[in-house]
PDB file of N, CA and C in Angstrom:
ATOM      1  N   UNK A   1      80.747  98.605  78.694  1.00  0.00           N
ATOM      2  CA  UNK A   1      81.600  99.635  79.270  1.00  0.00           C
ATOM      3  C   UNK A   1      83.055  99.167  79.239  1.00  0.00           C
ATOM      4  N   UNK A   2      83.603  98.803  80.370  1.00  0.00           N
ATOM      5  CA  UNK A   2      85.009  98.386  80.432  1.00  0.00           C
ATOM      6  C   UNK A   2      85.090  96.865  80.381  1.00  0.00           C
ATOM      7  N   UNK A   3      84.681  96.298  79.248  1.00  0.00           N
ATOM      8  CA  UNK A   3      84.589  94.846  79.160  1.00  0.00           C
ATOM      9  C   UNK A   3      85.673  94.233  78.287  1.00  0.00           C
ATOM     10  N   UNK A   4      86.613  95.048  77.827  1.00  0.00           N
ATOM     11  CA  UNK A   4      87.707  94.490  77.035  1.00  0.00           C
ATOM     12  C   UNK A   4      88.963  95.319  77.268  1.00  0.00           C
ATOM     13  N   UNK A   5      90.100  94.712  76.938  1.00  0.00           N
ATOM     14  CA  UNK A   5      91.364  95.443  77.084  1.00  0.00           C
ATOM     15  C   UNK A   5      91.361  96.709  76.237  1.00  0.00           C
ATOM     16  N   UNK A   6      90.798  96.616  75.026  1.00  0.00           N
ATOM     17  CA  UNK A   6      90.760  97.784  74.145  1.00  0.00           C
ATOM     18  C   UNK A   6      89.917  98.903  74.735  1.00  0.00           C
ATOM     19  N   UNK A   7      88.769  98.551  75.321  1.00  0.00           N
ATOM     20  CA  UNK A   7      87.897  99.555  75.929  1.00  0.00           C
ATOM     21  C   UNK A   7      88.585 100.213  77.120  1.00  0.00           C
ATOM     22  N   UNK A   8      89.258  99.407  77.933  1.00  0.00           N
ATOM     23  CA  UNK A   8      89.974  99.942  79.094  1.00  0.00           C
ATOM     24  C   UNK A   8      91.114 100.840  78.628  1.00  0.00           C
ATOM     25  N   UNK A   9      91.875 100.391  77.632  1.00  0.00           N
ATOM     26  CA  UNK A   9      92.993 101.187  77.125  1.00  0.00           C
ATOM     27  C   UNK A   9      92.497 102.515  76.560  1.00  0.00           C
ATOM     28  N   UNK A  10      91.386 102.484  75.851  1.00  0.00           N
ATOM     29  CA  UNK A  10      90.820 103.700  75.277  1.00  0.00           C
ATOM     30  C   UNK A  10      90.429 104.684  76.370  1.00  0.00           C
ATOM     31  N   UNK A  11      89.751 104.203  77.386  1.00  0.00           N
ATOM     32  CA  UNK A  11      89.318 105.056  78.494  1.00  0.00           C
ATOM     33  C   UNK A  11      90.532 105.574  79.264  1.00  0.00           C
ATOM     34  N   UNK A  12      91.501 104.711  79.501  1.00  0.00           N
ATOM     35  CA  UNK A  12      92.719 105.099  80.208  1.00  0.00           C
ATOM     36  C   UNK A  12      93.486 106.158  79.415  1.00  0.00           C
ATOM     37  N   UNK A  13      93.537 106.003  78.115  1.00  0.00           N
ATOM     38  CA  UNK A  13      94.198 106.996  77.258  1.00  0.00           C
ATOM     39  C   UNK A  13      93.531 108.351  77.426  1.00  0.00           C
ATOM     40  N   UNK A  14      92.197 108.374  77.389  1.00  0.00           N
ATOM     41  CA  UNK A  14      91.467 109.632  77.570  1.00  0.00           C
ATOM     42  C   UNK A  14      91.801 110.273  78.911  1.00  0.00           C
ATOM     43  N   UNK A  15      91.858 109.461  79.954  1.00  0.00           N
ATOM     44  CA  UNK A  15      92.149 109.970  81.296  1.00  0.00           C
ATOM     45  C   UNK A  15      93.569 110.544  81.358  1.00  0.00           C
ATOM     46  N   UNK A  16      94.547 109.804  80.832  1.00  0.00           N
ATOM     47  CA  UNK A  16      95.937 110.270  80.882  1.00  0.00           C
ATOM     48  C   UNK A  16      96.124 111.563  80.095  1.00  0.00           C
ATOM     49  N   UNK A  17      95.461 111.664  78.956  1.00  0.00           N
ATOM     50  CA  UNK A  17      95.549 112.891  78.150  1.00  0.00           C
ATOM     51  C   UNK A  17      94.917 114.058  78.911  1.00  0.00           C
ATOM     52  N   UNK A  18      93.732 113.808  79.460  1.00  0.00           N
ATOM     53  CA  UNK A  18      93.006 114.866  80.157  1.00  0.00           C
ATOM     54  C   UNK A  18      93.706 115.308  81.445  1.00  0.00           C
ATOM     55  N   UNK A  19      94.087 114.343  82.278  1.00  0.00           N
ATOM     56  CA  UNK A  19      94.632 114.671  83.598  1.00  0.00           C
ATOM     57  C   UNK A  19      96.093 115.103  83.575  1.00  0.00           C
ATOM     58  N   UNK A  20      96.876 114.472  82.707  1.00  0.00           N
ATOM     59  CA  UNK A  20      98.323 114.679  82.785  1.00  0.00           C
ATOM     60  C   UNK A  20      98.924 115.242  81.506  1.00  0.00           C
ATOM     61  N   UNK A  21      98.053 115.598  80.549  1.00  0.00           N
ATOM     62  CA  UNK A  21      98.488 116.189  79.286  1.00  0.00           C
ATOM     63  C   UNK A  21      99.538 115.326  78.576  1.00  0.00           C
ATOM     64  N   UNK A  22      99.338 114.014  78.668  1.00  0.00           N
ATOM     65  CA  UNK A  22     100.200 113.063  77.979  1.00  0.00           C
ATOM     66  C   UNK A  22      99.765 113.023  76.512  1.00  0.00           C
ATOM     67  N   UNK A  23     100.703 112.926  75.605  1.00  0.00           N
ATOM     68  CA  UNK A  23     100.383 112.800  74.182  1.00  0.00           C
ATOM     69  C   UNK A  23      99.787 111.412  73.947  1.00  0.00           C
ATOM     70  N   UNK A  24      98.593 111.378  73.370  1.00  0.00           N
ATOM     71  CA  UNK A  24      97.901 110.104  73.140  1.00  0.00           C
ATOM     72  C   UNK A  24      98.758 109.133  72.332  1.00  0.00           C
ATOM     73  N   UNK A  25      99.581 109.651  71.434  1.00  0.00           N
ATOM     74  CA  UNK A  25     100.424 108.796  70.599  1.00  0.00           C
ATOM     75  C   UNK A  25     101.476 108.056  71.433  1.00  0.00           C
ATOM     76  N   UNK A  26     101.795 108.592  72.616  1.00  0.00           N
ATOM     77  CA  UNK A  26     102.798 107.957  73.482  1.00  0.00           C
ATOM     78  C   UNK A  26     102.210 106.849  74.349  1.00  0.00           C
ATOM     79  N   UNK A  27     100.890 106.755  74.392  1.00  0.00           N
ATOM     80  CA  UNK A  27     100.231 105.809  75.288  1.00  0.00           C
ATOM     81  C   UNK A  27     100.023 104.481  74.567  1.00  0.00           C
ATOM     82  N   UNK A  28     100.882 103.538  74.898  1.00  0.00           N
ATOM     83  CA  UNK A  28     100.798 102.183  74.374  1.00  0.00           C
ATOM     84  C   UNK A  28     100.856 101.228  75.563  1.00  0.00           C
ATOM     85  N   UNK A  29     100.434  99.975  75.387  1.00  0.00           N
ATOM     86  CA  UNK A  29     100.516  99.032  76.514  1.00  0.00           C
ATOM     87  C   UNK A  29     101.931  98.893  77.070  1.00  0.00           C
ATOM     88  N   UNK A  30     102.941  99.110  76.222  1.00  0.00           N
ATOM     89  CA  UNK A  30     104.334  98.958  76.656  1.00  0.00           C
ATOM     90  C   UNK A  30     104.902 100.215  77.313  1.00  0.00           C
ATOM     91  N   UNK A  31     104.184 101.338  77.201  1.00  0.00           N
ATOM     92  CA  UNK A  31     104.701 102.614  77.729  1.00  0.00           C
ATOM     93  C   UNK A  31     104.841 102.538  79.239  1.00  0.00           C
ATOM     94  N   UNK A  32     106.018 102.917  79.722  1.00  0.00           N
ATOM     95  CA  UNK A  32     106.319 102.915  81.151  1.00  0.00           C
ATOM     96  C   UNK A  32     105.764 104.203  81.754  1.00  0.00           C
ATOM     97  N   UNK A  33     104.991 104.083  82.821  1.00  0.00           N
ATOM     98  CA  UNK A  33     104.317 105.252  83.386  1.00  0.00           C
ATOM     99  C   UNK A  33     105.282 106.367  83.776  1.00  0.00           C
ATOM    100  N   UNK A  34     106.323 106.033  84.517  1.00  0.00           N
ATOM    101  CA  UNK A  34     107.225 107.095  84.965  1.00  0.00           C
ATOM    102  C   UNK A  34     108.252 107.481  83.911  1.00  0.00           C
ATOM    103  N   UNK A  35     108.863 106.495  83.276  1.00  0.00           N
ATOM    104  CA  UNK A  35     109.931 106.799  82.312  1.00  0.00           C
ATOM    105  C   UNK A  35     109.422 107.422  81.022  1.00  0.00           C
ATOM    106  N   UNK A  36     108.335 106.865  80.483  1.00  0.00           N
ATOM    107  CA  UNK A  36     107.845 107.310  79.176  1.00  0.00           C
ATOM    108  C   UNK A  36     106.783 108.401  79.269  1.00  0.00           C
ATOM    109  N   UNK A  37     105.946 108.333  80.302  1.00  0.00           N
ATOM    110  CA  UNK A  37     104.805 109.246  80.384  1.00  0.00           C
ATOM    111  C   UNK A  37     104.947 110.287  81.489  1.00  0.00           C
ATOM    112  N   UNK A  38     106.016 110.206  82.259  1.00  0.00           N
ATOM    113  CA  UNK A  38     106.294 111.181  83.319  1.00  0.00           C
ATOM    114  C   UNK A  38     105.192 111.230  84.380  1.00  0.00           C
ATOM    115  N   UNK A  39     104.626 110.063  84.698  1.00  0.00           N
ATOM    116  CA  UNK A  39     103.620 109.947  85.755  1.00  0.00           C
ATOM    117  C   UNK A  39     104.356 109.580  87.039  1.00  0.00           C
ATOM    118  N   UNK A  40     104.327 110.481  88.031  1.00  0.00           N
ATOM    119  CA  UNK A  40     105.035 110.200  89.285  1.00  0.00           C
ATOM    120  C   UNK A  40     104.077 109.582  90.304  1.00  0.00           C
ATOM    121  N   UNK A  41     104.577 109.338  91.495  1.00  0.00           N
ATOM    122  CA  UNK A  41     103.767 108.636  92.493  1.00  0.00           C
ATOM    123  C   UNK A  41     102.544 109.451  92.924  1.00  0.00           C
ATOM    124  N   UNK A  42     102.663 110.752  92.964  1.00  0.00           N
ATOM    125  CA  UNK A  42     101.518 111.592  93.326  1.00  0.00           C
ATOM    126  C   UNK A  42     100.471 111.545  92.210  1.00  0.00           C
ATOM    127  N   UNK A  43     100.940 111.596  90.958  1.00  0.00           N
ATOM    128  CA  UNK A  43     100.023 111.454  89.825  1.00  0.00           C
ATOM    129  C   UNK A  43      99.318 110.100  89.878  1.00  0.00           C
ATOM    130  N   UNK A  44     100.048 109.076  90.278  1.00  0.00           N
ATOM    131  CA  UNK A  44      99.480 107.728  90.333  1.00  0.00           C
ATOM    132  C   UNK A  44      98.325 107.664  91.328  1.00  0.00           C
ATOM    133  N   UNK A  45      98.455 108.368  92.450  1.00  0.00           N
ATOM    134  CA  UNK A  45      97.368 108.410  93.432  1.00  0.00           C
ATOM    135  C   UNK A  45      96.142 109.078  92.810  1.00  0.00           C
ATOM    136  N   UNK A  46      96.358 110.191  92.101  1.00  0.00           N
ATOM    137  CA  UNK A  46      95.248 110.865  91.420  1.00  0.00           C
ATOM    138  C   UNK A  46      94.605 109.936  90.395  1.00  0.00           C
ATOM    139  N   UNK A  47      95.437 109.166  89.706  1.00  0.00           N
ATOM    140  CA  UNK A  47      94.941 108.231  88.702  1.00  0.00           C
ATOM    141  C   UNK A  47      94.089 107.149  89.355  1.00  0.00           C
ATOM    142  N   UNK A  48      94.530 106.624  90.486  1.00  0.00           N
ATOM    143  CA  UNK A  48      93.768 105.596  91.203  1.00  0.00           C
ATOM    144  C   UNK A  48      92.399 106.135  91.613  1.00  0.00           C
ATOM    145  N   UNK A  49      92.362 107.385  92.094  1.00  0.00           N
ATOM    146  CA  UNK A  49      91.090 108.002  92.482  1.00  0.00           C
ATOM    147  C   UNK A  49      90.166 108.097  91.271  1.00  0.00           C
ATOM    148  N   UNK A  50      90.712 108.523  90.137  1.00  0.00           N
ATOM    149  CA  UNK A  50      89.907 108.656  88.914  1.00  0.00           C
ATOM    150  C   UNK A  50      89.419 107.286  88.428  1.00  0.00           C
ATOM    151  N   UNK A  51      90.274 106.277  88.528  1.00  0.00           N
ATOM    152  CA  UNK A  51      89.880 104.938  88.105  1.00  0.00           C
ATOM    153  C   UNK A  51      88.793 104.375  89.020  1.00  0.00           C
ATOM    154  N   UNK A  52      88.851 104.734  90.293  1.00  0.00           N
ATOM    155  CA  UNK A  52      87.803 104.307  91.228  1.00  0.00           C
ATOM    156  C   UNK A  52      86.467 104.898  90.794  1.00  0.00           C
ATOM    157  N   UNK A  53      86.472 106.187  90.410  1.00  0.00           N
ATOM    158  CA  UNK A  53      85.246 106.825  89.928  1.00  0.00           C
ATOM    159  C   UNK A  53      84.751 106.123  88.661  1.00  0.00           C
ATOM    160  N   UNK A  54      85.669 105.785  87.783  1.00  0.00           N
ATOM    161  CA  UNK A  54      85.336 105.168  86.510  1.00  0.00           C
ATOM    162  C   UNK A  54      84.753 103.765  86.691  1.00  0.00           C
ATOM    163  N   UNK A  55      85.384 102.979  87.551  1.00  0.00           N
ATOM    164  CA  UNK A  55      84.979 101.581  87.712  1.00  0.00           C
ATOM    165  C   UNK A  55      83.877 101.406  88.749  1.00  0.00           C
ATOM    166  N   UNK A  56      83.751 102.380  89.653  1.00  0.00           N
ATOM    167  CA  UNK A  56      82.790 102.234  90.737  1.00  0.00           C
ATOM    168  C   UNK A  56      83.264 101.247  91.783  1.00  0.00           C
ATOM    169  N   UNK A  57      84.533 100.859  91.695  1.00  0.00           N
ATOM    170  CA  UNK A  57      85.093  99.882  92.633  1.00  0.00           C
ATOM    171  C   UNK A  57      86.300 100.479  93.342  1.00  0.00           C
ATOM    172  N   UNK A  58      86.481 100.056  94.575  1.00  0.00           N
ATOM    173  CA  UNK A  58      87.647 100.509  95.332  1.00  0.00           C
ATOM    174  C   UNK A  58      88.886  99.811  94.782  1.00  0.00           C
ATOM    175  N   UNK A  59      89.890 100.601  94.514  1.00  0.00           N
ATOM    176  CA  UNK A  59      91.148 100.045  94.012  1.00  0.00           C
ATOM    177  C   UNK A  59      92.195 100.242  95.106  1.00  0.00           C
ATOM    178  N   UNK A  60      92.642  99.149  95.666  1.00  0.00           N
ATOM    179  CA  UNK A  60      93.621  99.231  96.743  1.00  0.00           C
ATOM    180  C   UNK A  60      94.978  99.639  96.188  1.00  0.00           C
ATOM    181  N   UNK A  61      95.658 100.567  96.862  1.00  0.00           N
ATOM    182  CA  UNK A  61      96.983 100.976  96.396  1.00  0.00           C
ATOM    183  C   UNK A  61      97.939  99.799  96.243  1.00  0.00           C
ATOM    184  N   UNK A  62      97.748  98.754  97.059  1.00  0.00           N
ATOM    185  CA  UNK A  62      98.624  97.579  96.955  1.00  0.00           C
ATOM    186  C   UNK A  62      98.519  96.943  95.568  1.00  0.00           C
ATOM    187  N   UNK A  63      97.334  97.030  94.985  1.00  0.00           N
ATOM    188  CA  UNK A  63      97.140  96.449  93.659  1.00  0.00           C
ATOM    189  C   UNK A  63      97.939  97.197  92.597  1.00  0.00           C
ATOM    190  N   UNK A  64      98.348  98.416  92.931  1.00  0.00           N
ATOM    191  CA  UNK A  64      99.080  99.220  91.964  1.00  0.00           C
ATOM    192  C   UNK A  64     100.579  99.232  92.233  1.00  0.00           C
ATOM    193  N   UNK A  65     101.015  98.546  93.288  1.00  0.00           N
ATOM    194  CA  UNK A  65     102.452  98.554  93.608  1.00  0.00           C
ATOM    195  C   UNK A  65     103.307  97.965  92.503  1.00  0.00           C
ATOM    196  N   UNK A  66     102.803  96.951  91.821  1.00  0.00           N
ATOM    197  CA  UNK A  66     103.597  96.299  90.780  1.00  0.00           C
ATOM    198  C   UNK A  66     103.347  96.901  89.393  1.00  0.00           C
ATOM    199  N   UNK A  67     102.474  97.898  89.324  1.00  0.00           N
ATOM    200  CA  UNK A  67     102.142  98.526  88.043  1.00  0.00           C
ATOM    201  C   UNK A  67     103.296  99.404  87.574  1.00  0.00           C
ATOM    202  N   UNK A  68     103.777  99.129  86.376  1.00  0.00           N
ATOM    203  CA  UNK A  68     104.873  99.918  85.803  1.00  0.00           C
ATOM    204  C   UNK A  68     104.524 100.492  84.438  1.00  0.00           C
ATOM    205  N   UNK A  69     103.648  99.776  83.714  1.00  0.00           N
ATOM    206  CA  UNK A  69     103.336 100.179  82.345  1.00  0.00           C
ATOM    207  C   UNK A  69     101.835 100.419  82.188  1.00  0.00           C
ATOM    208  N   UNK A  70     101.471 101.016  81.070  1.00  0.00           N
ATOM    209  CA  UNK A  70     100.058 101.211  80.753  1.00  0.00           C
ATOM    210  C   UNK A  70      99.345  99.855  80.711  1.00  0.00           C
ATOM    211  N   UNK A  71      99.996  98.858  80.133  1.00  0.00           N
ATOM    212  CA  UNK A  71      99.420  97.516  80.083  1.00  0.00           C
ATOM    213  C   UNK A  71      99.161  96.951  81.469  1.00  0.00           C
ATOM    214  N   UNK A  72     100.046  97.255  82.423  1.00  0.00           N
ATOM    215  CA  UNK A  72      99.846  96.808  83.803  1.00  0.00           C
ATOM    216  C   UNK A  72      98.589  97.449  84.400  1.00  0.00           C
ATOM    217  N   UNK A  73      98.369  98.722  84.077  1.00  0.00           N
ATOM    218  CA  UNK A  73      97.169  99.422  84.578  1.00  0.00           C
ATOM    219  C   UNK A  73      95.918  98.758  84.003  1.00  0.00           C
ATOM    220  N   UNK A  74      95.952  98.459  82.705  1.00  0.00           N
ATOM    221  CA  UNK A  74      94.821  97.793  82.052  1.00  0.00           C
ATOM    222  C   UNK A  74      94.539  96.458  82.749  1.00  0.00           C
ATOM    223  N   UNK A  75      95.581  95.681  83.010  1.00  0.00           N
ATOM    224  CA  UNK A  75      95.406  94.385  83.688  1.00  0.00           C
ATOM    225  C   UNK A  75      94.836  94.557  85.093  1.00  0.00           C
ATOM    226  N   UNK A  76      95.312  95.569  85.802  1.00  0.00           N
ATOM    227  CA  UNK A  76      94.818  95.817  87.160  1.00  0.00           C
ATOM    228  C   UNK A  76      93.344  96.182  87.139  1.00  0.00           C
ATOM    229  N   UNK A  77      92.934  96.984  86.148  1.00  0.00           N
ATOM    230  CA  UNK A  77      91.524  97.353  86.032  1.00  0.00           C
ATOM    231  C   UNK A  77      90.689  96.115  85.695  1.00  0.00           C
ATOM    232  N   UNK A  78      91.204  95.269  84.800  1.00  0.00           N
ATOM    233  CA  UNK A  78      90.472  94.029  84.469  1.00  0.00           C
ATOM    234  C   UNK A  78      90.282  93.176  85.698  1.00  0.00           C
ATOM    235  N   UNK A  79      91.302  93.089  86.532  1.00  0.00           N
ATOM    236  CA  UNK A  79      91.225  92.296  87.766  1.00  0.00           C
ATOM    237  C   UNK A  79      90.158  92.861  88.692  1.00  0.00           C
ATOM    238  N   UNK A  80      90.154  94.174  88.858  1.00  0.00           N
ATOM    239  CA  UNK A  80      89.185  94.827  89.744  1.00  0.00           C
ATOM    240  C   UNK A  80      87.761  94.647  89.221  1.00  0.00           C
ATOM    241  N   UNK A  81      87.605  94.726  87.899  1.00  0.00           N
ATOM    242  CA  UNK A  81      86.283  94.607  87.293  1.00  0.00           C
ATOM    243  C   UNK A  81      85.777  93.160  87.352  1.00  0.00           C
ATOM    244  N   UNK A  82      86.713  92.218  87.532  1.00  0.00           N
ATOM    245  CA  UNK A  82      86.374  90.816  87.674  1.00  0.00           C
ATOM    246  C   UNK A  82      85.682  90.278  86.456  1.00  0.00           C
TER     247      UNK A  82
END
């Protein structure tokens, strides 16, 4: 399932496209959530809820405070998945 950065990025890309109508071509590890993808703080909360469903693990909002890029989200998911 979510056992590699590529798998997480792929799943995250699907979620961002589906939930926020982000162009898949814009989703790269370096893409900034707010500046490049127009994901605001309310969207981020929705994203955390969706990621919780995906991972089956509780994701504390504090873990997302330092998240700025798609790559940061991937790293945070890897941390949660342990």
